[in-house]
């Protein structure tokens, strides 16, 4: 009941429905049928209020849906008047200022409809104001939720990259490269710097382009390949026209990190990660070689990505898994 009252703004509707009939009653010097006019006007206005708040949603920008509903609103408002008039047996008396025979006079019905539609327009304007306020409030709330999800994503990504194990492994690899392959050591330092630079530059952003995210992913994969060699193979097939699509930052890195974290791989059984476009989605796929005794995943990373996509694009990710492969489909539109 509380939710229904909030959706239809019943408190405000009662105030409006009581105010206008009361004003009309006070201005009626004759006093004839004052109570009856008050009750009928209240019922008509309050019914129009509930009908409009249930039928019309100005937050729906699709004209094919909004305009027909507004037209129906005006038609229903006349129907409400007739039904309540018949119910109280005074259809011809509700608006006493109408001239002529109410049942046969066009001018009488024109005046009645015009008066009803003016009240209906007022209610629609009030509904538009409420919807605009609610839309702005929802946008503020979504932005706050998105900031929170991004902070969680940054925290999750930084845990994987800045934790002592990652630093230790990177420095150990760098030490070995410095001794046996100084040129590759320089390249390794450059890619390692690129990883941290990306994290710092995009920590306050809600979205990045697919091109930026792929560049970051390549830098991260380079560090993994130096460490694991040919045990990790990657294939990226994204056309240049798709590089301008947007996505939450760190998405691809989190998916690659999940693949490395939960699977066992070697030179004989490499971990194969592929990124490609399929319809309206970007697919990130890897072969499934779960580690022996691998505990059930908490899916925190996937949940975080899912929430950010819903907030940013209004679409959820699709997770597909079978005996051989694990694939995540990311909406790009």
Protein backbone atom coordinates (compact mmCIF):
# COMPACT_ATOMS: atom_id res chain seq x y z
CA UNK A 1 0.00 0.00 0.00
CA UNK A 2 2.82 2.36 0.86
CA UNK A 3 4.51 1.63 -2.48
CA UNK A 4 1.23 2.22 -4.33
CA UNK A 5 0.72 5.54 -2.55
CA UNK A 6 4.23 6.58 -3.51
CA UNK A 7 3.83 5.59 -7.17
CA UNK A 8 0.52 7.41 -7.61
CA UNK A 9 1.38 10.31 -5.27
CA UNK A 10 -1.95 9.79 -3.52
CA UNK A 11 -1.31 12.38 -0.79
CA UNK A 12 -0.68 15.13 -3.33
CA UNK A 13 -3.63 13.91 -5.39
CA UNK A 14 -5.95 14.15 -2.39
CA UNK A 15 -4.79 17.71 -1.69
CA UNK A 16 -5.40 18.79 -5.31
CA UNK A 17 -8.74 16.95 -5.47
CA UNK A 18 -9.90 18.65 -2.24
CA UNK A 19 -8.59 22.13 -3.04
CA UNK A 20 -10.39 22.84 -6.32
CA UNK A 21 -13.84 21.56 -5.27
CA UNK A 22 -13.51 23.49 -2.02
CA UNK A 23 -12.63 26.68 -3.92
CA UNK A 24 -15.60 26.17 -6.23
CA UNK A 25 -17.91 25.49 -3.29
CA UNK A 26 -16.83 28.70 -1.52
CA UNK A 27 -17.43 30.71 -4.67
CA UNK A 28 -20.94 29.24 -5.09
CA UNK A 29 -23.14 31.93 -3.54
CA UNK A 30 -26.38 30.13 -4.28
CA UNK A 31 -25.53 27.18 -2.04
CA UNK A 32 -27.64 24.90 -4.20
CA UNK A 33 -26.31 21.34 -4.34
CA UNK A 34 -22.99 22.56 -2.91
CA UNK A 35 -22.20 19.25 -1.18
CA UNK A 36 -23.15 17.25 -4.24
CA UNK A 37 -20.99 19.41 -6.51
CA UNK A 38 -18.10 19.11 -4.06
CA UNK A 39 -18.31 15.30 -3.91
CA UNK A 40 -18.67 14.87 -7.67
CA UNK A 41 -15.82 17.30 -8.47
CA UNK A 42 -13.60 15.58 -5.90
CA UNK A 43 -14.28 12.14 -7.39
CA UNK A 44 -13.67 13.34 -10.95
CA UNK A 45 -10.39 15.15 -10.19
CA UNK A 46 -9.03 12.38 -7.96
CA UNK A 47 -9.94 9.73 -10.56
CA UNK A 48 -8.21 11.77 -13.26
CA UNK A 49 -5.16 12.04 -11.01
CA UNK A 50 -4.92 8.27 -10.45
CA UNK A 51 -5.59 7.54 -14.12
CA UNK A 52 -2.84 9.87 -15.34
CA UNK A 53 -0.28 8.70 -12.81
CA UNK A 54 -0.96 5.08 -13.77
CA UNK A 55 -1.15 5.62 -17.53
CA UNK A 56 1.43 8.27 -18.48
CA UNK A 57 5.18 8.08 -17.80
CA UNK A 58 7.13 11.08 -19.10
CA UNK A 59 10.40 9.28 -18.38
CA UNK A 60 9.61 7.02 -21.33
CA UNK A 61 11.05 9.00 -24.25
CA UNK A 62 9.62 6.75 -26.96
CA UNK A 63 7.08 8.92 -28.77
CA UNK A 64 5.28 5.86 -30.14
CA UNK A 65 4.41 4.97 -26.54
CA UNK A 66 4.07 8.37 -24.86
CA UNK A 67 1.79 10.25 -27.29
CA UNK A 68 -0.89 7.54 -27.58
CA UNK A 69 -1.04 7.35 -23.79
CA UNK A 70 -1.53 11.13 -23.52
CA UNK A 71 -4.36 10.96 -26.08
CA UNK A 72 -5.93 8.09 -24.13
CA UNK A 73 -5.61 10.20 -20.99
CA UNK A 74 -7.86 12.91 -22.47
CA UNK A 75 -10.38 10.35 -23.73
CA UNK A 76 -10.49 8.56 -20.37
CA UNK A 77 -10.96 11.87 -18.55
CA UNK A 78 -14.26 12.43 -20.41
CA UNK A 79 -15.26 8.81 -19.76
CA UNK A 80 -14.55 9.28 -16.04
CA UNK A 81 -16.78 12.36 -16.01
CA UNK A 82 -19.65 10.50 -17.68
CA UNK A 83 -19.34 7.42 -15.43
CA UNK A 84 -19.27 9.42 -12.19
CA UNK A 85 -22.11 11.60 -13.49
CA UNK A 86 -24.24 8.57 -14.23
CA UNK A 87 -23.31 7.05 -10.88
CA UNK A 88 -24.52 10.16 -9.04
CA UNK A 89 -27.38 10.72 -11.50
CA UNK A 90 -26.44 14.28 -12.31
CA UNK A 91 -24.42 14.15 -15.51
CA UNK A 92 -26.28 17.16 -16.80
CA UNK A 93 -25.81 19.17 -13.61
CA UNK A 94 -22.15 18.67 -12.77
CA UNK A 95 -21.18 21.80 -14.67
CA UNK A 96 -24.12 24.08 -14.15
CA UNK A 97 -22.65 26.80 -16.31
CA UNK A 98 -23.10 24.71 -19.45
CA UNK A 99 -25.83 26.29 -21.56
CA UNK A 100 -28.60 24.58 -23.49
CA UNK A 101 -29.87 21.04 -23.40
CA UNK A 102 -26.82 19.11 -22.15
CA UNK A 103 -27.79 15.93 -23.98
CA UNK A 104 -28.26 17.54 -27.37
CA UNK A 105 -26.35 20.83 -27.36
CA UNK A 106 -22.92 20.74 -29.01
CA UNK A 107 -21.89 23.96 -27.21
CA UNK A 108 -22.72 22.39 -23.83
CA UNK A 109 -20.59 19.33 -24.49
CA UNK A 110 -17.81 21.47 -25.92
CA UNK A 111 -17.73 23.54 -22.72
CA UNK A 112 -17.83 20.43 -20.54
CA UNK A 113 -15.02 18.68 -22.46
CA UNK A 114 -12.92 21.86 -22.51
CA UNK A 115 -13.25 22.23 -18.73
CA UNK A 116 -12.41 18.55 -18.14
CA UNK A 117 -9.39 18.72 -20.48
CA UNK A 118 -8.09 21.86 -18.78
CA UNK A 119 -8.09 20.01 -15.45
CA UNK A 120 -6.52 17.00 -17.16
CA UNK A 121 -3.78 19.17 -18.66
CA UNK A 122 -3.04 20.63 -15.23
CA UNK A 123 -2.70 17.13 -13.79
CA UNK A 124 -0.43 16.09 -16.70
CA UNK A 125 1.79 19.12 -16.07
CA UNK A 126 2.05 18.15 -12.39
CA UNK A 127 2.86 14.55 -13.41
CA UNK A 128 5.57 15.85 -15.78
CA UNK A 129 7.12 17.87 -12.93
CA UNK A 130 7.14 14.81 -10.64
CA UNK A 131 8.65 12.60 -13.39
CA UNK A 132 11.36 15.17 -14.18
CA UNK A 133 12.30 15.39 -10.52
CA UNK A 134 12.33 11.59 -10.17
CA UNK A 135 14.48 11.25 -13.30
CA UNK A 136 17.06 13.71 -11.99
CA UNK A 137 17.07 11.96 -8.62
CA UNK A 138 17.55 8.57 -10.30
CA UNK A 139 20.44 9.94 -12.38
CA UNK A 140 22.16 11.23 -9.24
CA UNK A 141 21.61 7.86 -7.55
CA UNK A 142 22.94 5.93 -10.56
CA UNK A 143 26.03 8.14 -10.70
CA UNK A 144 26.69 7.48 -7.03
CA UNK A 145 26.22 3.73 -7.52
CA UNK A 146 28.49 3.83 -10.56
CA UNK A 147 31.19 5.64 -8.61
CA UNK A 148 30.93 3.00 -5.89
CA UNK A 149 31.17 0.15 -8.42
CA UNK A 150 34.15 1.80 -10.09
CA UNK A 151 35.87 2.11 -6.73
CA UNK A 152 35.24 -1.60 -6.16
CA UNK A 153 36.60 -2.41 -9.61
CA UNK A 154 39.69 -0.28 -9.05
CA UNK A 155 40.21 -1.91 -5.68
CA UNK A 156 39.83 -5.38 -7.22
CA UNK A 157 42.20 -4.55 -10.08
CA UNK A 158 44.75 -2.90 -7.82
CA UNK A 159 44.69 -5.92 -5.50
CA UNK A 160 45.78 -8.05 -8.46
CA UNK A 161 48.43 -5.63 -9.70
CA UNK A 162 49.83 -3.87 -6.68
CA UNK A 163 49.84 -6.74 -4.22
CA UNK A 164 53.23 -8.02 -3.05
CA UNK A 165 52.95 -11.19 -5.16
CA UNK A 166 52.48 -9.26 -8.38
CA UNK A 167 55.31 -6.86 -7.55
CA UNK A 168 57.55 -9.70 -6.44
CA UNK A 169 56.91 -11.72 -9.61
CA UNK A 170 57.38 -8.66 -11.82
CA UNK A 171 60.63 -7.66 -10.13
CA UNK A 172 61.92 -11.24 -10.21
CA UNK A 173 61.17 -11.43 -13.93
CA UNK A 174 62.81 -8.05 -14.45
CA UNK A 175 65.93 -9.14 -12.56
CA UNK A 176 66.25 -12.22 -14.74
CA UNK A 177 65.73 -10.21 -17.93
CA UNK A 178 68.29 -7.61 -16.88
CA UNK A 179 70.89 -10.36 -16.58
CA UNK A 180 70.08 -12.40 -19.71
CA UNK A 181 68.20 -10.06 -22.05
CA UNK A 182 68.73 -6.34 -21.28
CA UNK A 183 66.78 -5.22 -24.37
CA UNK A 184 63.69 -7.18 -23.35
CA UNK A 185 64.11 -5.86 -19.82
CA UNK A 186 63.68 -2.34 -21.16
CA UNK A 187 60.52 -3.40 -22.99
CA UNK A 188 59.26 -5.09 -19.82
CA UNK A 189 59.77 -1.91 -17.80
CA UNK A 190 57.89 0.08 -20.44
CA UNK A 191 54.89 -2.26 -20.38
CA UNK A 192 54.89 -2.41 -16.59
CA UNK A 193 54.87 1.40 -16.48
CA UNK A 194 52.02 1.44 -19.02
CA UNK A 195 49.93 -0.81 -16.77
CA UNK A 196 50.31 1.48 -13.76
CA UNK A 197 49.93 4.62 -15.87
CA UNK A 198 46.60 3.38 -17.21
CA UNK A 199 45.34 2.59 -13.73
CA UNK A 200 46.23 6.06 -12.48
CA UNK A 201 44.88 7.94 -15.51
CA UNK A 202 41.53 6.14 -15.55
CA UNK A 203 40.83 5.67 -11.86
CA UNK A 204 38.23 8.49 -11.84
CA UNK A 205 36.60 7.66 -15.19
CA UNK A 206 33.31 5.80 -15.62
CA UNK A 207 33.92 4.77 -19.22
CA UNK A 208 36.82 4.30 -21.62
CA UNK A 209 36.97 3.39 -25.28
CA UNK A 210 37.46 -0.18 -26.38
CA UNK A 211 40.69 0.90 -28.07
CA UNK A 212 42.11 2.20 -24.78
CA UNK A 213 41.03 -0.92 -22.93
CA UNK A 214 42.65 -3.20 -25.55
CA UNK A 215 45.93 -1.28 -25.33
CA UNK A 216 45.89 -1.76 -21.56
CA UNK A 217 45.05 -5.44 -21.99
CA UNK A 218 48.00 -5.91 -24.39
CA UNK A 219 50.39 -4.37 -21.87
CA UNK A 220 49.06 -6.64 -19.15
CA UNK A 221 49.26 -9.71 -21.41
CA UNK A 222 52.84 -8.83 -22.30
CA UNK A 223 53.80 -9.05 -18.62
CA UNK A 224 52.02 -12.40 -18.32
CA UNK A 225 53.69 -13.82 -21.44
CA UNK A 226 57.14 -12.81 -20.21
CA UNK A 227 56.38 -14.67 -16.99
CA UNK A 228 54.59 -17.73 -18.43
CA UNK A 229 56.00 -17.81 -21.94
CA UNK A 230 54.08 -19.79 -24.56
CA UNK A 231 51.80 -21.24 -21.88
CA UNK A 232 49.50 -18.27 -22.57
CA UNK A 233 48.32 -17.47 -26.08
CA UNK A 234 46.02 -14.65 -27.10
CA UNK A 235 44.08 -13.74 -30.21
CA UNK A 236 42.42 -10.33 -30.61
CA UNK A 237 40.11 -9.82 -33.57
CA UNK A 238 38.42 -6.45 -33.23
CA UNK A 239 37.86 -4.32 -36.36
CA UNK A 240 39.05 -0.73 -36.25
CA UNK A 241 35.47 0.52 -36.59
CA UNK A 242 34.66 -1.03 -33.22
CA UNK A 243 37.47 0.63 -31.25
CA UNK A 244 35.33 3.67 -30.50
CA UNK A 245 32.77 1.72 -28.48
CA UNK A 246 32.79 2.43 -24.75
CA UNK A 247 33.01 0.19 -21.70
CA UNK A 248 33.83 0.40 -17.97
CA UNK A 249 37.59 0.64 -17.29
CA UNK A 250 39.58 -2.47 -16.25
CA UNK A 251 36.91 -4.83 -17.61
CA UNK A 252 39.17 -6.81 -19.94
CA UNK A 253 42.01 -6.95 -17.42
CA UNK A 254 39.69 -8.40 -14.78
CA UNK A 255 38.47 -11.08 -17.19
CA UNK A 256 42.04 -12.04 -18.19
CA UNK A 257 43.08 -12.11 -14.54
CA UNK A 258 40.14 -14.42 -13.74
CA UNK A 259 41.17 -16.77 -16.54
CA UNK A 260 44.76 -16.94 -15.26
CA UNK A 261 43.67 -17.27 -11.64
CA UNK A 262 41.22 -20.16 -12.05
CA UNK A 263 42.89 -22.26 -14.75
CA UNK A 264 46.00 -24.41 -14.89
CA UNK A 265 48.13 -24.18 -18.04
CA UNK A 266 51.49 -25.28 -19.45
CA UNK A 267 53.37 -25.44 -22.74
CA UNK A 268 51.54 -28.66 -23.59
CA UNK A 269 48.17 -27.32 -22.49
CA UNK A 270 48.28 -23.54 -22.97
CA UNK A 271 45.64 -21.11 -21.81
CA UNK A 272 44.07 -19.63 -24.95
CA UNK A 273 42.37 -16.26 -24.57
CA UNK A 274 40.51 -14.72 -27.50
CA UNK A 275 38.72 -11.38 -27.87
CA UNK A 276 36.37 -10.82 -30.79
CA UNK A 277 33.16 -9.11 -31.89
CA UNK A 278 29.95 -11.09 -32.24
CA UNK A 279 26.82 -9.14 -33.12
CA UNK A 280 26.19 -6.43 -30.53
CA UNK A 281 28.67 -7.94 -28.07
CA UNK A 282 32.40 -8.13 -27.44
CA UNK A 283 33.29 -11.70 -26.53
CA UNK A 284 36.14 -12.65 -24.18
CA UNK A 285 36.69 -16.40 -24.32
CA UNK A 286 39.15 -18.86 -22.82
CA UNK A 287 39.48 -22.63 -22.78
CA UNK A 288 38.47 -24.20 -19.48
CA UNK A 289 41.23 -26.03 -17.58
CA UNK A 290 40.26 -25.55 -13.96
CA UNK A 291 42.91 -26.06 -11.35
CA UNK A 292 42.62 -29.32 -9.38
CA UNK A 293 40.76 -28.73 -6.14
CA UNK A 294 39.74 -25.25 -7.28
CA UNK A 295 37.23 -23.84 -4.74
CA UNK A 296 33.89 -22.51 -5.93
CA UNK A 297 34.42 -19.01 -7.32
CA UNK A 298 32.84 -16.09 -5.44
CA UNK A 299 32.22 -14.41 -8.84
CA UNK A 300 32.90 -11.01 -7.29
CA UNK A 301 34.73 -9.81 -10.39
CA UNK A 302 31.92 -10.85 -12.73
CA UNK A 303 29.29 -9.38 -10.40
CA UNK A 304 31.15 -6.07 -10.35
CA UNK A 305 31.40 -5.98 -14.15
CA UNK A 306 27.72 -6.89 -14.46
CA UNK A 307 26.59 -4.08 -12.16
CA UNK A 308 28.67 -1.48 -13.95
CA UNK A 309 27.31 -2.52 -17.35
CA UNK A 310 23.72 -2.35 -16.11
CA UNK A 311 24.32 1.14 -14.74
CA UNK A 312 26.23 2.40 -17.79
CA UNK A 313 24.37 0.79 -20.67
CA UNK A 314 21.19 -0.60 -19.16
CA UNK A 315 22.23 -4.06 -20.38
CA UNK A 316 23.73 -6.97 -18.50
CA UNK A 317 26.67 -9.13 -19.51
CA UNK A 318 26.10 -12.72 -20.62
CA UNK A 319 28.18 -15.51 -19.08
CA UNK A 320 28.38 -18.78 -21.00
CA UNK A 321 30.14 -21.90 -19.77
CA UNK A 322 30.37 -25.46 -20.96
CA UNK A 323 32.72 -28.38 -20.46
CA UNK A 324 35.42 -26.90 -22.66
CA UNK A 325 35.11 -23.09 -22.74
CA UNK A 326 34.24 -20.08 -20.61
CA UNK A 327 32.94 -16.97 -22.36
CA UNK A 328 31.71 -13.55 -21.30
CA UNK A 329 29.73 -11.38 -23.72
CA UNK A 330 30.01 -7.62 -23.10
CA UNK A 331 27.36 -5.27 -24.60
CA UNK A 332 28.94 -2.66 -26.86
CA UNK A 333 25.82 -0.60 -27.71
